[in-house]
Amino acid sequence: MIRFGTGGWRAVIGSDFIEQNIRLVAEGICSLMREEDRADKPIIIGYDHRFLSDTAARWMAEVFAAHGIRVWFMNRSAPTPLVMHTVLRQQLHYGVEITASHNPAAYNGIKLIVEEGRDAPVEVTARLEALIDAREQDATPIPSLPFDEACEMGLITYRKNPFNEFIDDILDVLDVASIRNHGARVLFDPMYGSGTYPLMVILSTARCTVDMIHNTRDAHFGGYLPAPSSRSLSELKNRVVTGGYELGIAFDGDGDRLGIIDHNGRYINANEVLVLLYWYLHEIKGWRGPVVRNLATTHMLDVMAADFGEACYEVPVGFKYISSKIDEVDAILGGESSGGLTVRGHIHGKDSIYAASLFVEMLSAVEKSPSDIMDELECKYGKFILVEDNITFTEAQRTGVHRTIFEDKKLPFFDRPITHVSYEDGCKVYFADNSFVICRFSGTEPLLRIFAEATTAEQAQGYIEAFRDLLALN
């Protein structure tokens, strides 16, 4: 079955991510657009550097064209934030990005983007899944109009200069003068992904010196998972230090997750990026407002927000919940521990391009390294160390975990007071010392994820081991 999780539909290439299913998704979106009477505007289709992405984009475009729905087609690979921005700025009803984001190279997928450039909400994807399921029972062929013929008829048109508005909107809100005066030297690792061009233009316009690694197309992502983690950025760490760079920047495959390496080779994890940018925007730039995080993201934001006289709002995993809450409470920014964030006034989805640009602005304006700022914040607010464990499972194990945690609601024994337990998204245990542990099934991969945060890595790992013991997953 084709199912849309927290980040769209993702599947293994050649197994489920095949032409028939890709066209089936396009057919379902066509039915959804007509059902909602929203086939009056074009749908924009973007695609990343993964294997089959460009071809899959053409397959989808042929189906839309056969239904008489106009398609704006990217003339080159494009990051997801660009597609979201185009939907927002051009007031489109829908957009599509062909990507599996940070998943392994064997995967590809489809993200559905709705009005205002948002991730499709659950009610939209649920209806789309129902339409797909119904169409799958229909033996008639899915209509398709050959790509070149559709172009000649004007049903498919290439989006001219698609990056211009996106880049200009970011430059308009950056303190370009501070960046120019500072003159940062940056090493950029797009991880063979599609986010290269816009960041290079922005940083070059701001007179940074930027060198790159891994900026060609490689459908295997150099043998690494295309996620900017400490492990996958080992080469970037080494080259930042040996090359004397002030900063290393890395993106995931579709340019919506960010990784940072400091001048000393320190990996600035996603939680720290959120903390640093919230501090910078609130305390240095003078923005006022709360912050939003998902339930697997650092509680340091809660402590900081309270000190600022602000609130920190917790939402389930899935960026659509973050962007919705930002609008509701007029938050400064919102993000997640997996590396995605967005800032008030920008698009309603994750954008590593704008986030990276802001990070360069921060170190330029403050004239301190991220490590120095983070050390000062930890002296004030304490240490918050997040540990993560990803566990594969059989179907029988999944059933057992679900029964133990979500039906019987059993918990491990913990040697410290529990304030409360939430089952809003997985099972999250909150402790009196502001530490936590959460156990939940991934919405994009067949994994059980356990996140734990505490003042020491040993304490956090102890929470994880307690859940492993309870679930017999050691």
Protein backbone atom coordinates (compact mmCIF):
# COMPACT_ATOMS: atom_id res chain seq x y z
CA MET A 1 0.00 0.00 0.00
CA ILE A 2 1.07 3.55 -0.71
CA ARG A 3 1.08 5.46 2.56
CA PHE A 4 2.24 8.99 3.37
CA GLY A 5 4.13 9.26 6.66
CA THR A 6 5.53 12.32 8.40
CA GLY A 7 7.65 13.20 5.35
CA GLY A 8 5.66 11.89 2.41
CA TRP A 9 5.56 8.50 0.70
CA ARG A 10 8.92 6.71 0.69
CA ALA A 11 9.71 3.29 -0.74
CA VAL A 12 12.56 1.12 -1.99
CA ILE A 13 13.43 1.73 -5.64
CA GLY A 14 12.50 -1.24 -7.83
CA SER A 15 10.33 -2.80 -5.13
CA ASP A 16 7.53 -0.32 -4.45
CA PHE A 17 8.97 2.87 -5.95
CA ILE A 18 8.20 1.83 -9.52
CA GLU A 19 6.60 3.47 -12.55
CA GLN A 20 3.13 2.05 -11.93
CA ASN A 21 3.00 3.29 -8.35
CA ILE A 22 4.48 6.68 -9.23
CA ARG A 23 1.84 7.20 -11.90
CA LEU A 24 -0.76 5.93 -9.44
CA VAL A 25 0.18 8.66 -6.96
CA ALA A 26 -0.09 11.26 -9.74
CA GLU A 27 -3.51 9.89 -10.68
CA GLY A 28 -4.61 10.13 -7.05
CA ILE A 29 -3.46 13.77 -6.83
CA CYS A 30 -5.36 14.55 -10.06
CA SER A 31 -8.53 13.07 -8.54
CA LEU A 32 -7.94 15.03 -5.33
CA MET A 33 -7.49 18.31 -7.22
CA ARG A 34 -10.67 17.78 -9.23
CA GLU A 35 -12.63 16.66 -6.18
CA GLU A 36 -11.61 19.88 -4.41
CA ASP A 37 -12.16 21.97 -7.57
CA ARG A 38 -8.49 22.99 -7.50
CA ALA A 39 -7.37 21.95 -10.97
CA ASP A 40 -7.54 25.55 -12.19
CA LYS A 41 -3.91 26.33 -11.35
CA PRO A 42 -0.69 24.56 -12.38
CA ILE A 43 1.03 22.06 -10.12
CA ILE A 44 4.78 22.49 -9.75
CA ILE A 45 7.01 19.41 -9.84
CA GLY A 46 10.55 19.40 -8.48
CA TYR A 47 13.04 16.59 -8.03
CA ASP A 48 16.33 15.96 -6.25
CA HIS A 49 19.52 14.12 -7.29
CA ARG A 50 18.41 10.61 -6.34
CA PHE A 51 18.30 7.77 -8.80
CA LEU A 52 15.07 7.87 -10.82
CA SER A 53 13.96 11.26 -9.43
CA ASP A 54 14.05 13.15 -12.74
CA THR A 55 12.40 10.26 -14.59
CA ALA A 56 9.72 9.89 -11.92
CA ALA A 57 9.01 13.61 -12.20
CA ARG A 58 8.41 13.20 -15.94
CA TRP A 59 6.11 10.21 -15.36
CA MET A 60 4.02 12.24 -12.95
CA ALA A 61 3.91 15.22 -15.31
CA GLU A 62 2.62 13.00 -18.13
CA VAL A 63 -0.31 11.88 -15.97
CA PHE A 64 -1.23 15.44 -14.94
CA ALA A 65 -1.04 16.55 -18.58
CA ALA A 66 -3.30 13.70 -19.68
CA HIS A 67 -5.90 15.03 -17.23
CA GLY A 68 -5.54 18.54 -18.61
CA ILE A 69 -3.81 19.84 -15.46
CA ARG A 70 -0.98 22.23 -16.28
CA VAL A 71 2.48 21.44 -14.94
CA TRP A 72 5.33 23.76 -14.03
CA PHE A 73 8.42 21.62 -14.40
CA MET A 74 11.78 22.51 -12.89
CA ASN A 75 14.52 22.87 -15.48
CA ARG A 76 17.07 21.38 -13.08
CA SER A 77 17.13 19.52 -9.78
CA ALA A 78 15.65 21.57 -6.97
CA PRO A 79 15.62 21.44 -3.17
CA THR A 80 12.31 20.94 -1.40
CA PRO A 81 12.33 24.48 0.14
CA LEU A 82 12.33 25.98 -3.36
CA VAL A 83 9.20 24.04 -4.34
CA MET A 84 7.49 25.11 -1.10
CA HIS A 85 8.48 28.72 -1.71
CA THR A 86 7.11 28.63 -5.26
CA VAL A 87 3.77 27.22 -4.08
CA LEU A 88 3.62 30.01 -1.48
CA ARG A 89 4.70 32.93 -3.67
CA GLN A 90 2.73 31.91 -6.76
CA GLN A 91 -0.36 31.00 -4.71
CA LEU A 92 -0.59 27.49 -6.15
CA HIS A 93 -2.84 24.81 -4.73
CA TYR A 94 -0.32 21.97 -4.91
CA GLY A 95 3.32 21.09 -5.51
CA VAL A 96 5.31 17.87 -5.61
CA GLU A 97 8.93 17.08 -4.82
CA ILE A 98 10.43 13.74 -5.85
CA THR A 99 12.75 12.86 -2.97
CA ALA A 100 13.34 10.51 -0.08
CA SER A 101 15.09 13.28 1.85
CA HIS A 102 17.62 11.74 4.26
CA ASN A 103 16.64 8.08 3.69
CA PRO A 104 19.24 5.58 2.41
CA ALA A 105 20.11 5.64 -1.30
CA ALA A 106 17.94 2.60 -2.01
CA TYR A 107 14.86 4.74 -1.29
CA ASN A 108 13.00 7.38 -3.21
CA GLY A 109 9.67 9.04 -2.56
CA ILE A 110 7.16 11.81 -3.12
CA LYS A 111 6.40 14.81 -0.92
CA LEU A 112 3.07 16.53 -1.41
CA ILE A 113 3.00 20.28 -0.75
CA VAL A 114 -0.25 22.19 -0.31
CA GLU A 115 -1.39 25.82 -0.33
CA GLU A 116 0.90 28.35 1.38
CA GLY A 117 3.84 25.99 0.76
CA ARG A 118 3.01 23.61 3.62
CA ASP A 119 3.56 19.90 4.08
CA ALA A 120 0.30 18.16 3.30
CA PRO A 121 -1.72 17.69 6.51
CA VAL A 122 -2.95 14.29 7.65
CA GLU A 123 -6.50 14.82 6.41
CA VAL A 124 -5.22 15.57 2.88
CA THR A 125 -2.86 12.60 2.70
CA ALA A 126 -5.53 10.31 4.18
CA ARG A 127 -7.95 11.32 1.44
CA LEU A 128 -5.22 10.92 -1.18
CA GLU A 129 -4.45 7.41 0.11
CA ALA A 130 -8.14 6.49 -0.15
CA LEU A 131 -8.29 7.75 -3.74
CA ILE A 132 -5.13 5.82 -4.61
CA ASP A 133 -6.50 2.64 -3.02
CA ALA A 134 -9.74 2.97 -4.98
CA ARG A 135 -7.91 3.61 -8.28
CA GLU A 136 -5.68 0.61 -7.70
CA GLN A 137 -8.77 -1.62 -7.86
CA ASP A 138 -9.64 -0.19 -11.30
CA ALA A 139 -8.08 -2.28 -14.06
CA THR A 140 -8.22 0.47 -16.68
CA PRO A 141 -4.84 1.99 -17.63
CA ILE A 142 -3.76 5.26 -16.05
CA PRO A 143 -3.90 7.95 -18.77
CA SER A 144 -0.61 9.45 -19.86
CA LEU A 145 0.35 12.08 -22.42
CA PRO A 146 3.96 11.80 -23.74
CA PHE A 147 6.16 14.46 -22.16
CA ASP A 148 7.36 16.13 -25.36
CA GLU A 149 3.86 16.21 -26.80
CA ALA A 150 2.53 17.76 -23.59
CA CYS A 151 5.26 20.41 -23.80
CA GLU A 152 4.27 21.24 -27.38
CA MET A 153 0.65 21.62 -26.27
CA GLY A 154 1.65 23.97 -23.45
CA LEU A 155 0.43 21.62 -20.73
CA ILE A 156 3.98 21.21 -19.40
CA THR A 157 6.18 24.29 -19.22
CA TYR A 158 9.64 24.66 -17.77
CA ARG A 159 9.86 27.05 -14.84
CA LYS A 160 12.17 29.86 -15.97
CA ASN A 161 14.71 31.12 -13.43
CA PRO A 162 13.01 29.23 -10.59
CA PHE A 163 15.58 30.24 -7.95
CA ASN A 164 15.40 34.02 -8.35
CA GLU A 165 12.49 34.86 -6.03
CA PHE A 166 13.62 32.32 -3.45
CA ILE A 167 17.18 33.68 -3.27
CA ASP A 168 16.05 37.32 -3.32
CA ASP A 169 13.59 36.79 -0.47
CA ILE A 170 16.35 35.34 1.71
CA LEU A 171 18.82 38.11 0.83
CA ASP A 172 16.18 40.73 1.63
CA VAL A 173 15.99 39.61 5.28
CA LEU A 174 19.66 38.87 5.89
CA ASP A 175 22.10 41.34 7.43
CA VAL A 176 24.27 41.19 4.34
CA ALA A 177 26.42 44.11 5.50
CA SER A 178 27.55 42.23 8.63
CA ILE A 179 28.38 39.15 6.59
CA ARG A 180 30.37 41.22 4.08
CA ASN A 181 32.28 43.04 6.80
CA HIS A 182 33.19 39.79 8.53
CA GLY A 183 34.20 37.85 5.42
CA ALA A 184 33.64 34.27 6.58
CA ARG A 185 35.53 31.40 4.99
CA VAL A 186 33.14 28.46 4.60
CA LEU A 187 33.45 24.86 3.43
CA PHE A 188 30.13 23.62 2.04
CA ASP A 189 29.11 19.95 1.72
CA PRO A 190 25.76 19.54 -0.07
CA MET A 191 26.18 15.76 0.34
CA TYR A 192 25.65 15.20 -3.40
CA GLY A 193 22.20 16.73 -3.00
CA SER A 194 20.12 19.40 -4.69
CA GLY A 195 20.67 22.35 -2.33
CA THR A 196 23.98 23.55 -3.80
CA TYR A 197 23.06 26.44 -6.08
CA PRO A 198 20.97 28.77 -3.89
CA LEU A 199 23.33 28.74 -0.91
CA MET A 200 26.34 29.33 -3.15
CA VAL A 201 24.64 32.36 -4.70
CA ILE A 202 23.61 33.78 -1.30
CA LEU A 203 27.03 33.37 0.32
CA SER A 204 28.86 34.63 -2.77
CA THR A 205 26.59 37.68 -2.93
CA ALA A 206 27.48 38.35 0.72
CA ARG A 207 31.20 38.12 -0.19
CA CYS A 208 31.97 34.93 1.72
CA THR A 209 34.77 32.69 0.54
CA VAL A 210 33.13 29.33 -0.14
CA ASP A 211 34.71 26.06 -1.20
CA MET A 212 32.79 22.84 -1.79
CA ILE A 213 33.09 19.09 -1.47
CA HIS A 214 30.68 16.39 -2.66
CA ASN A 215 28.92 18.78 -5.04
CA THR A 216 28.52 16.39 -7.99
CA ARG A 217 25.60 14.05 -8.54
CA ASP A 218 26.03 10.66 -6.88
CA ALA A 219 22.91 8.53 -6.47
CA HIS A 220 24.75 6.48 -3.82
CA PHE A 221 25.71 9.59 -1.80
CA GLY A 222 29.32 8.47 -1.52
CA GLY A 223 28.25 5.38 0.41
CA TYR A 224 26.89 7.45 3.31
CA LEU A 225 23.39 8.08 4.54
CA PRO A 226 22.50 11.50 3.05
CA ALA A 227 21.80 13.03 6.45
CA PRO A 228 24.14 15.63 7.99
CA SER A 229 25.07 13.72 11.15
CA SER A 230 28.32 13.67 13.08
CA ARG A 231 29.22 10.31 11.57
CA SER A 232 28.46 11.20 7.94
CA LEU A 233 30.36 14.50 8.16
CA SER A 234 33.73 13.06 9.20
CA GLU A 235 35.44 14.28 6.02
CA LEU A 236 33.92 17.75 6.38
CA LYS A 237 35.19 17.91 9.98
CA ASN A 238 38.73 17.02 8.96
CA ARG A 239 38.85 19.40 6.03
CA VAL A 240 37.41 22.33 7.99
CA VAL A 241 40.21 21.97 10.55
CA THR A 242 43.08 21.27 8.16
CA GLY A 243 41.91 23.93 5.69
CA GLY A 244 41.49 26.63 8.32
CA TYR A 245 37.82 27.25 7.57
CA GLU A 246 35.65 29.20 9.98
CA LEU A 247 32.61 27.05 9.38
CA GLY A 248 31.47 23.86 7.69
CA ILE A 249 27.91 23.63 6.35
CA ALA A 250 26.16 20.45 5.20
CA PHE A 251 22.70 19.69 3.79
CA ASP A 252 20.75 16.49 3.36
CA GLY A 253 19.71 15.16 -0.06
CA ASP A 254 16.84 17.57 -0.71
CA GLY A 255 18.19 20.60 1.14
CA ASP A 256 15.83 20.81 4.08
CA ARG A 257 18.10 19.55 6.90
CA LEU A 258 21.21 21.30 8.17
CA GLY A 259 24.49 20.20 9.72
CA ILE A 260 27.17 22.56 11.08
CA ILE A 261 30.89 21.99 11.78
CA ASP A 262 32.74 24.62 13.81
CA HIS A 263 36.29 25.80 13.04
CA ASN A 264 37.69 23.35 15.62
CA GLY A 265 35.95 20.32 14.06
CA ARG A 266 33.14 20.27 16.61
CA TYR A 267 29.85 19.00 15.24
CA ILE A 268 27.11 21.47 16.17
CA ASN A 269 24.13 19.14 16.37
CA ALA A 270 20.59 20.05 15.31
CA ASN A 271 19.46 20.80 18.86
CA GLU A 272 22.37 23.19 19.31
CA VAL A 273 21.61 24.88 15.99
CA LEU A 274 18.07 25.56 17.21
CA VAL A 275 19.31 26.86 20.55
CA LEU A 276 21.89 29.13 18.94
CA LEU A 277 19.51 30.61 16.38
CA TYR A 278 16.75 31.17 18.96
CA TRP A 279 19.27 32.95 21.19
CA TYR A 280 20.57 35.03 18.28
CA LEU A 281 17.18 36.06 16.92
CA HIS A 282 15.74 36.86 20.36
CA GLU A 283 18.69 38.32 22.25
CA ILE A 284 20.82 39.89 19.50
CA LYS A 285 18.38 40.80 16.72
CA GLY A 286 15.64 41.70 19.19
CA TRP A 287 12.86 39.53 17.83
CA ARG A 288 10.17 38.67 20.37
CA GLY A 289 8.10 35.52 20.56
CA PRO A 290 8.02 31.86 21.63
CA VAL A 291 9.72 28.84 20.09
CA VAL A 292 8.27 25.55 18.83
CA ARG A 293 9.87 22.09 18.94
CA ASN A 294 8.68 18.56 18.41
CA LEU A 295 8.58 16.13 21.32
CA ALA A 296 11.92 14.52 20.40
CA THR A 297 13.83 17.81 20.53
CA THR A 298 15.88 19.38 23.31
CA HIS A 299 14.26 20.77 26.45
CA MET A 300 17.02 23.38 26.61
CA LEU A 301 14.69 25.46 24.45
CA ASP A 302 12.10 25.31 27.25
CA VAL A 303 14.61 26.58 29.82
CA MET A 304 15.85 29.36 27.54
CA ALA A 305 12.36 30.45 26.58
CA ALA A 306 11.35 30.69 30.25
CA ASP A 307 14.42 32.82 30.94
CA PHE A 308 13.46 35.09 28.02
CA GLY A 309 9.93 35.42 29.40
CA GLU A 310 8.62 33.38 26.48
CA ALA A 311 6.98 29.98 26.01
CA CYS A 312 8.20 26.81 24.32
CA TYR A 313 5.49 24.78 22.60
CA GLU A 314 5.75 21.02 22.08
CA VAL A 315 4.12 19.31 19.06
CA PRO A 316 4.13 15.78 17.57
CA VAL A 317 6.80 14.67 15.09
CA GLY A 318 6.09 15.95 11.58
CA PHE A 319 7.01 19.40 10.38
CA LYS A 320 3.43 20.25 9.48
CA TYR A 321 2.73 20.42 13.23
CA ILE A 322 5.65 22.78 13.79
CA SER A 323 4.69 25.19 11.00
CA SER A 324 1.05 25.19 12.10
CA LYS A 325 1.99 26.02 15.70
CA ILE A 326 4.40 28.77 14.56
CA ASP A 327 1.47 30.47 12.81
CA GLU A 328 -0.84 29.94 15.76
CA VAL A 329 1.45 31.45 18.41
CA ASP A 330 3.59 33.72 16.17
CA ALA A 331 6.76 31.89 17.19
CA ILE A 332 10.21 33.11 16.19
CA LEU A 333 11.26 29.72 14.90
CA GLY A 334 10.51 26.03 15.19
CA GLY A 335 12.48 22.90 14.55
CA GLU A 336 13.34 19.32 15.30
CA SER A 337 16.33 17.30 16.46
CA SER A 338 16.66 15.65 13.05
CA GLY A 339 18.00 18.89 11.57
CA GLY A 340 15.02 20.75 10.14
CA LEU A 341 13.87 24.24 11.10
CA THR A 342 12.10 27.28 9.79
CA VAL A 343 11.90 30.91 10.87
CA ARG A 344 8.96 33.30 11.21
CA GLY A 345 8.11 35.08 7.97
CA HIS A 346 9.71 32.47 5.69
CA ILE A 347 8.22 29.31 4.19
CA HIS A 348 6.10 26.92 6.25
CA GLY A 349 8.51 24.02 5.85
CA LYS A 350 12.09 23.11 6.67
CA ASP A 351 14.75 25.15 4.90
CA SER A 352 18.44 24.49 5.45
CA ILE A 353 19.36 27.23 2.96
CA TYR A 354 17.84 30.08 4.96
CA ALA A 355 18.93 28.49 8.25
CA ALA A 356 22.55 28.20 7.05
CA SER A 357 22.50 31.79 5.83
CA LEU A 358 21.26 32.94 9.25
CA PHE A 359 23.99 30.91 10.93
CA VAL A 360 26.66 32.70 8.87
CA GLU A 361 25.00 36.02 9.75
CA MET A 362 25.10 35.10 13.45
CA LEU A 363 28.81 34.36 13.62
CA SER A 364 29.51 37.44 11.49
CA ALA A 365 27.47 39.79 13.68
CA VAL A 366 28.52 38.36 17.05
CA GLU A 367 32.17 37.72 16.10
CA LYS A 368 32.21 34.54 18.17
CA SER A 369 32.40 30.91 17.14
CA PRO A 370 29.33 28.68 17.59
CA SER A 371 31.31 26.64 20.13
CA ASP A 372 32.08 29.70 22.25
CA ILE A 373 28.44 30.83 22.21
CA MET A 374 27.21 27.32 23.01
CA ASP A 375 29.65 26.99 25.91
CA GLU A 376 28.36 30.27 27.37
CA LEU A 377 24.75 29.13 27.03
CA GLU A 378 25.54 25.79 28.71
CA CYS A 379 27.20 27.60 31.60
CA LYS A 380 23.98 29.56 32.06
CA TYR A 381 21.34 26.89 31.38
CA GLY A 382 23.14 23.58 31.97
CA LYS A 383 24.01 20.69 29.67
CA PHE A 384 21.35 18.90 27.64
CA ILE A 385 22.71 15.81 25.87
CA LEU A 386 20.47 13.91 23.46
CA VAL A 387 21.17 10.27 22.59
CA GLU A 388 19.30 8.41 19.86
CA ASP A 389 18.94 4.71 19.08
CA ASN A 390 17.33 3.34 15.91
CA ILE A 391 16.18 -0.27 16.09
CA THR A 392 15.06 -2.50 13.23
CA PHE A 393 12.36 -5.06 13.98
CA THR A 394 10.36 -7.93 12.58
CA GLU A 395 6.61 -7.63 12.16
CA ALA A 396 6.14 -9.87 15.20
CA GLN A 397 8.40 -7.59 17.24
CA ARG A 398 6.47 -4.53 16.08
CA THR A 399 3.24 -6.12 17.27
CA GLY A 400 4.83 -6.96 20.62
CA VAL A 401 6.23 -3.45 21.09
CA HIS A 402 2.89 -1.88 20.24
CA ARG A 403 1.08 -4.13 22.71
CA THR A 404 3.57 -3.54 25.53
CA ILE A 405 3.89 0.23 25.16
CA PHE A 406 0.64 1.46 23.70
CA GLU A 407 -1.95 -1.08 24.83
CA ASP A 408 -0.67 -2.38 28.17
CA LYS A 409 1.18 0.93 28.74
CA LYS A 410 4.04 -0.71 30.57
CA LEU A 411 7.08 1.38 31.46
CA PRO A 412 10.62 0.42 32.47
CA PHE A 413 11.76 1.03 36.04
CA PHE A 414 13.52 4.38 36.33
CA ASP A 415 15.53 5.50 39.36
CA ARG A 416 14.21 9.06 39.36
CA PRO A 417 10.80 10.76 39.73
CA ILE A 418 8.50 10.87 36.69
CA THR A 419 6.35 13.98 36.34
CA HIS A 420 4.08 12.63 33.59
CA VAL A 421 3.83 10.36 30.55
CA SER A 422 2.44 11.34 27.13
CA TYR A 423 1.12 9.03 24.42
CA GLU A 424 0.36 11.81 21.96
CA ASP A 425 3.03 10.56 19.54
CA GLY A 426 4.75 7.41 20.78
CA CYS A 427 5.46 7.14 24.49
CA LYS A 428 7.32 10.02 26.14
CA VAL A 429 8.39 9.93 29.78
CA TYR A 430 9.13 13.29 31.44
CA PHE A 431 11.35 13.39 34.53
CA ALA A 432 11.50 15.97 37.32
CA ASP A 433 15.06 17.03 36.39
CA ASN A 434 13.90 18.11 32.88
CA SER A 435 15.29 14.98 31.22
CA PHE A 436 13.11 12.73 29.05
CA VAL A 437 12.95 9.55 26.99
CA ILE A 438 10.64 8.86 24.06
CA CYS A 439 9.95 5.64 22.19
CA ARG A 440 8.10 5.83 18.85
CA PHE A 441 7.85 4.19 15.44
CA SER A 442 9.38 6.16 12.57
CA GLY A 443 6.93 7.65 10.10
CA THR A 444 9.36 7.34 7.16
CA GLU A 445 11.40 4.16 7.75
CA PRO A 446 10.80 0.70 9.31
CA LEU A 447 12.52 1.68 12.56
CA LEU A 448 11.75 2.03 16.23
CA ARG A 449 13.32 5.26 17.44
CA ILE A 450 14.26 5.88 21.06
CA PHE A 451 15.43 9.38 22.00
CA ALA A 452 16.67 10.31 25.46
CA GLU A 453 18.00 13.59 26.82
CA ALA A 454 19.75 14.16 30.13
CA THR A 455 22.65 16.08 31.67
CA THR A 456 25.06 13.27 30.77
CA ALA A 457 25.23 10.81 27.90
CA GLU A 458 25.42 7.96 30.41
CA GLN A 459 22.13 8.93 32.01
CA ALA A 460 20.44 9.28 28.60
CA GLN A 461 21.83 5.94 27.44
CA GLY A 462 20.52 4.36 30.63
CA TYR A 463 16.99 5.44 29.72
CA ILE A 464 17.38 3.84 26.29
CA GLU A 465 18.73 0.58 27.72
CA ALA A 466 15.80 0.44 30.14
CA PHE A 467 13.36 0.57 27.20
CA ARG A 468 15.42 -1.99 25.26
CA ASP A 469 15.29 -4.38 28.24
CA LEU A 470 11.56 -3.92 28.66
CA LEU A 471 10.93 -4.61 24.98
CA ALA A 472 13.49 -7.44 24.73
CA LEU A 473 15.24 -5.65 21.85
CA ASN A 474 18.85 -6.05 23.02
